[in-house]
Amino acid sequence: MIIAIVAALVFALDRVTKILVRTHVPSGTSIQVIPGLLRITSIHNAGAAFGLLQHQTLFFIAVTIIVIGLIITYGRRAARGQPLLAVALGLQLGGALGNLYDRLLHGTVIDFINFYRVWPFIFNVADAAIVVGGCLFAWILIRQDDRPAANR
């Protein structure tokens, strides 16, 4: 249940932000939000993170569908009684669904969060959720490996 709620919230936030950017920021332009730190920069990314593998839309759709299936299958069993794991999987699922929706509808993903002095890449809410969920998932796994075998 937690996985579904988190995924739905991430998906909704991703959709709303992408719709706002599509309607108010022409592609290739920027709006300064925090001078020296943050811009909203509208770009259409036909690749993966960091612009890798440009124009491989069918590949990304197929991989994303497989990943979504794995998250749902794994999450049903593994996240029971582990709310933090459920949140991690929900973040990843919501992000995957958000970018999949864009690829299916537009063939590209709109990226717009631009911390231009701190981070060289432009990303979106779905990307951020996937990364945060992945880091949280890794932290949970590492933490579980640190516990004595009797407590696992």
Protein backbone atom coordinates (compact mmCIF):
# COMPACT_ATOMS: atom_id res chain seq x y z
CA MET A 1 0.00 0.00 0.00
CA ILE A 2 2.84 2.43 0.87
CA ILE A 3 4.54 1.66 -2.43
CA ALA A 4 1.38 2.57 -4.37
CA ILE A 5 0.77 5.79 -2.41
CA VAL A 6 4.36 7.03 -2.80
CA ALA A 7 4.39 6.05 -6.48
CA ALA A 8 1.11 7.89 -7.09
CA LEU A 9 2.38 11.04 -5.34
CA VAL A 10 5.64 11.02 -7.29
CA PHE A 11 3.81 10.41 -10.57
CA ALA A 12 1.33 13.23 -9.86
CA LEU A 13 4.07 15.71 -8.89
CA ASP A 14 6.08 14.73 -11.96
CA ARG A 15 3.08 15.20 -14.26
CA VAL A 16 2.11 18.57 -12.78
CA THR A 17 5.64 19.97 -12.97
CA LYS A 18 6.18 18.74 -16.53
CA ILE A 19 2.83 20.19 -17.65
CA LEU A 20 3.72 23.54 -16.08
CA VAL A 21 7.10 23.57 -17.80
CA ARG A 22 5.65 22.49 -21.16
CA THR A 23 3.03 25.26 -21.05
CA HIS A 24 5.12 28.10 -19.58
CA VAL A 25 8.76 27.57 -20.56
CA PRO A 26 9.52 27.23 -24.28
CA SER A 27 11.93 24.41 -25.11
CA GLY A 28 15.55 25.50 -24.93
CA THR A 29 14.85 28.50 -22.68
CA SER A 30 15.49 29.12 -18.99
CA ILE A 31 13.87 30.97 -16.12
CA GLN A 32 16.12 32.06 -13.25
CA VAL A 33 14.67 30.86 -9.92
CA ILE A 34 17.59 31.28 -7.50
CA PRO A 35 20.33 33.45 -9.02
CA GLY A 36 23.64 31.63 -9.16
CA LEU A 37 22.06 28.25 -8.31
CA LEU A 38 18.76 27.18 -9.88
CA ARG A 39 17.12 27.67 -13.25
CA ILE A 40 14.10 26.05 -14.83
CA THR A 41 15.49 25.05 -18.23
CA SER A 42 13.14 23.26 -20.61
CA ILE A 43 14.78 20.56 -22.71
CA HIS A 44 13.47 17.43 -24.37
CA ASN A 45 15.70 14.44 -23.63
CA ALA A 46 15.48 11.56 -26.11
CA GLY A 47 18.04 9.58 -24.13
CA ALA A 48 18.64 8.26 -20.64
CA ALA A 49 20.20 9.99 -17.67
CA PHE A 50 22.93 12.44 -18.67
CA GLY A 51 21.71 12.26 -22.29
CA LEU A 52 23.11 8.79 -22.87
CA LEU A 53 21.79 6.53 -25.64
CA GLN A 54 19.88 9.22 -27.52
CA HIS A 55 16.82 8.16 -29.56
CA GLN A 56 16.60 4.61 -28.16
CA THR A 57 12.96 5.13 -27.16
CA LEU A 58 11.76 1.55 -27.71
CA PHE A 59 14.70 0.22 -25.71
CA PHE A 60 13.91 2.57 -22.81
CA ILE A 61 10.22 1.68 -22.90
CA ALA A 62 10.99 -2.05 -22.81
CA VAL A 63 13.55 -1.72 -20.00
CA THR A 64 11.21 0.51 -17.98
CA ILE A 65 8.33 -1.95 -18.28
CA ILE A 66 10.60 -4.76 -17.08
CA VAL A 67 11.85 -2.64 -14.16
CA ILE A 68 8.28 -1.70 -13.19
CA GLY A 69 7.35 -5.39 -13.19
CA LEU A 70 10.36 -6.23 -11.02
CA ILE A 71 9.59 -3.45 -8.53
CA ILE A 72 5.98 -4.56 -8.20
CA THR A 73 6.89 -8.25 -7.88
CA TYR A 74 9.74 -7.67 -5.43
CA GLY A 75 7.86 -5.00 -3.50
CA ARG A 76 4.86 -7.21 -2.74
CA ARG A 77 7.04 -9.62 -0.78
CA ALA A 78 10.02 -7.65 0.44
CA ALA A 79 8.36 -4.45 1.64
CA ARG A 80 5.88 -6.06 4.03
CA GLY A 81 6.67 -4.69 7.47
CA GLN A 82 9.46 -2.50 6.05
CA PRO A 83 7.98 0.96 5.44
CA LEU A 84 11.33 2.52 4.49
CA LEU A 85 11.86 -0.11 1.81
CA ALA A 86 8.31 0.51 0.58
CA VAL A 87 9.07 4.24 0.30
CA ALA A 88 12.29 3.51 -1.65
CA LEU A 89 10.46 1.24 -4.07
CA GLY A 90 7.55 3.69 -4.37
CA LEU A 91 9.94 6.49 -5.30
CA GLN A 92 11.53 4.33 -7.99
CA LEU A 93 8.18 3.09 -9.29
CA GLY A 94 6.64 6.58 -9.45
CA GLY A 95 9.69 7.95 -11.23
CA ALA A 96 9.76 5.08 -13.71
CA LEU A 97 6.05 5.55 -14.45
CA GLY A 98 6.49 9.32 -14.90
CA ASN A 99 9.26 9.00 -17.46
CA LEU A 100 7.54 6.06 -19.17
CA TYR A 101 4.40 8.17 -19.59
CA ASP A 102 6.43 10.89 -21.32
CA ARG A 103 8.21 8.45 -23.60
CA LEU A 104 4.94 6.81 -24.63
CA LEU A 105 3.15 10.11 -25.17
CA HIS A 106 5.91 12.32 -26.58
CA GLY A 107 8.85 10.05 -27.44
CA THR A 108 11.06 12.16 -25.16
CA VAL A 109 11.26 13.11 -21.50
CA ILE A 110 11.11 16.75 -20.48
CA ASP A 111 13.91 17.77 -18.14
CA PHE A 112 13.91 21.13 -16.42
CA ILE A 113 15.62 21.22 -12.99
CA ASN A 114 18.95 22.91 -13.60
CA PHE A 115 21.34 23.44 -10.67
CA TYR A 116 23.79 24.88 -13.17
CA ARG A 117 26.58 25.84 -10.75
CA VAL A 118 26.38 22.62 -8.72
CA TRP A 119 25.34 19.84 -11.10
CA PRO A 120 26.13 19.76 -14.83
CA PHE A 121 22.96 17.88 -15.88
CA ILE A 122 19.32 18.91 -16.19
CA PHE A 123 16.77 16.49 -14.73
CA ASN A 124 13.13 16.20 -13.65
CA VAL A 125 11.09 15.09 -10.62
CA ALA A 126 10.90 11.48 -11.87
CA ASP A 127 14.68 11.32 -12.25
CA ALA A 128 15.18 12.71 -8.75
CA ALA A 129 12.73 10.19 -7.28
CA ILE A 130 14.49 7.29 -9.02
CA VAL A 131 17.90 8.40 -7.73
CA VAL A 132 16.70 9.09 -4.17
CA GLY A 133 14.78 5.80 -4.14
CA GLY A 134 17.83 3.92 -5.43
CA CYS A 135 20.12 5.48 -2.82
CA LEU A 136 17.62 4.72 -0.05
CA PHE A 137 17.29 1.14 -1.32
CA ALA A 138 21.09 0.71 -1.35
CA TRP A 139 21.35 2.17 2.17
CA ILE A 140 18.71 -0.29 3.41
CA LEU A 141 20.58 -3.21 1.85
CA ILE A 142 23.92 -2.10 3.30
CA ARG A 143 22.35 -1.58 6.71
CA GLN A 144 20.83 -5.07 6.61
CA ASP A 145 24.23 -6.58 5.78
CA ASP A 146 25.73 -4.83 8.83
CA ARG A 147 23.34 -6.54 11.27
CA PRO A 148 24.41 -9.78 12.95
CA ALA A 149 23.02 -12.89 11.24
CA ALA A 150 20.80 -13.67 14.27
CA ASN A 151 18.94 -10.34 13.83
CA ARG A 152 18.20 -10.69 10.11
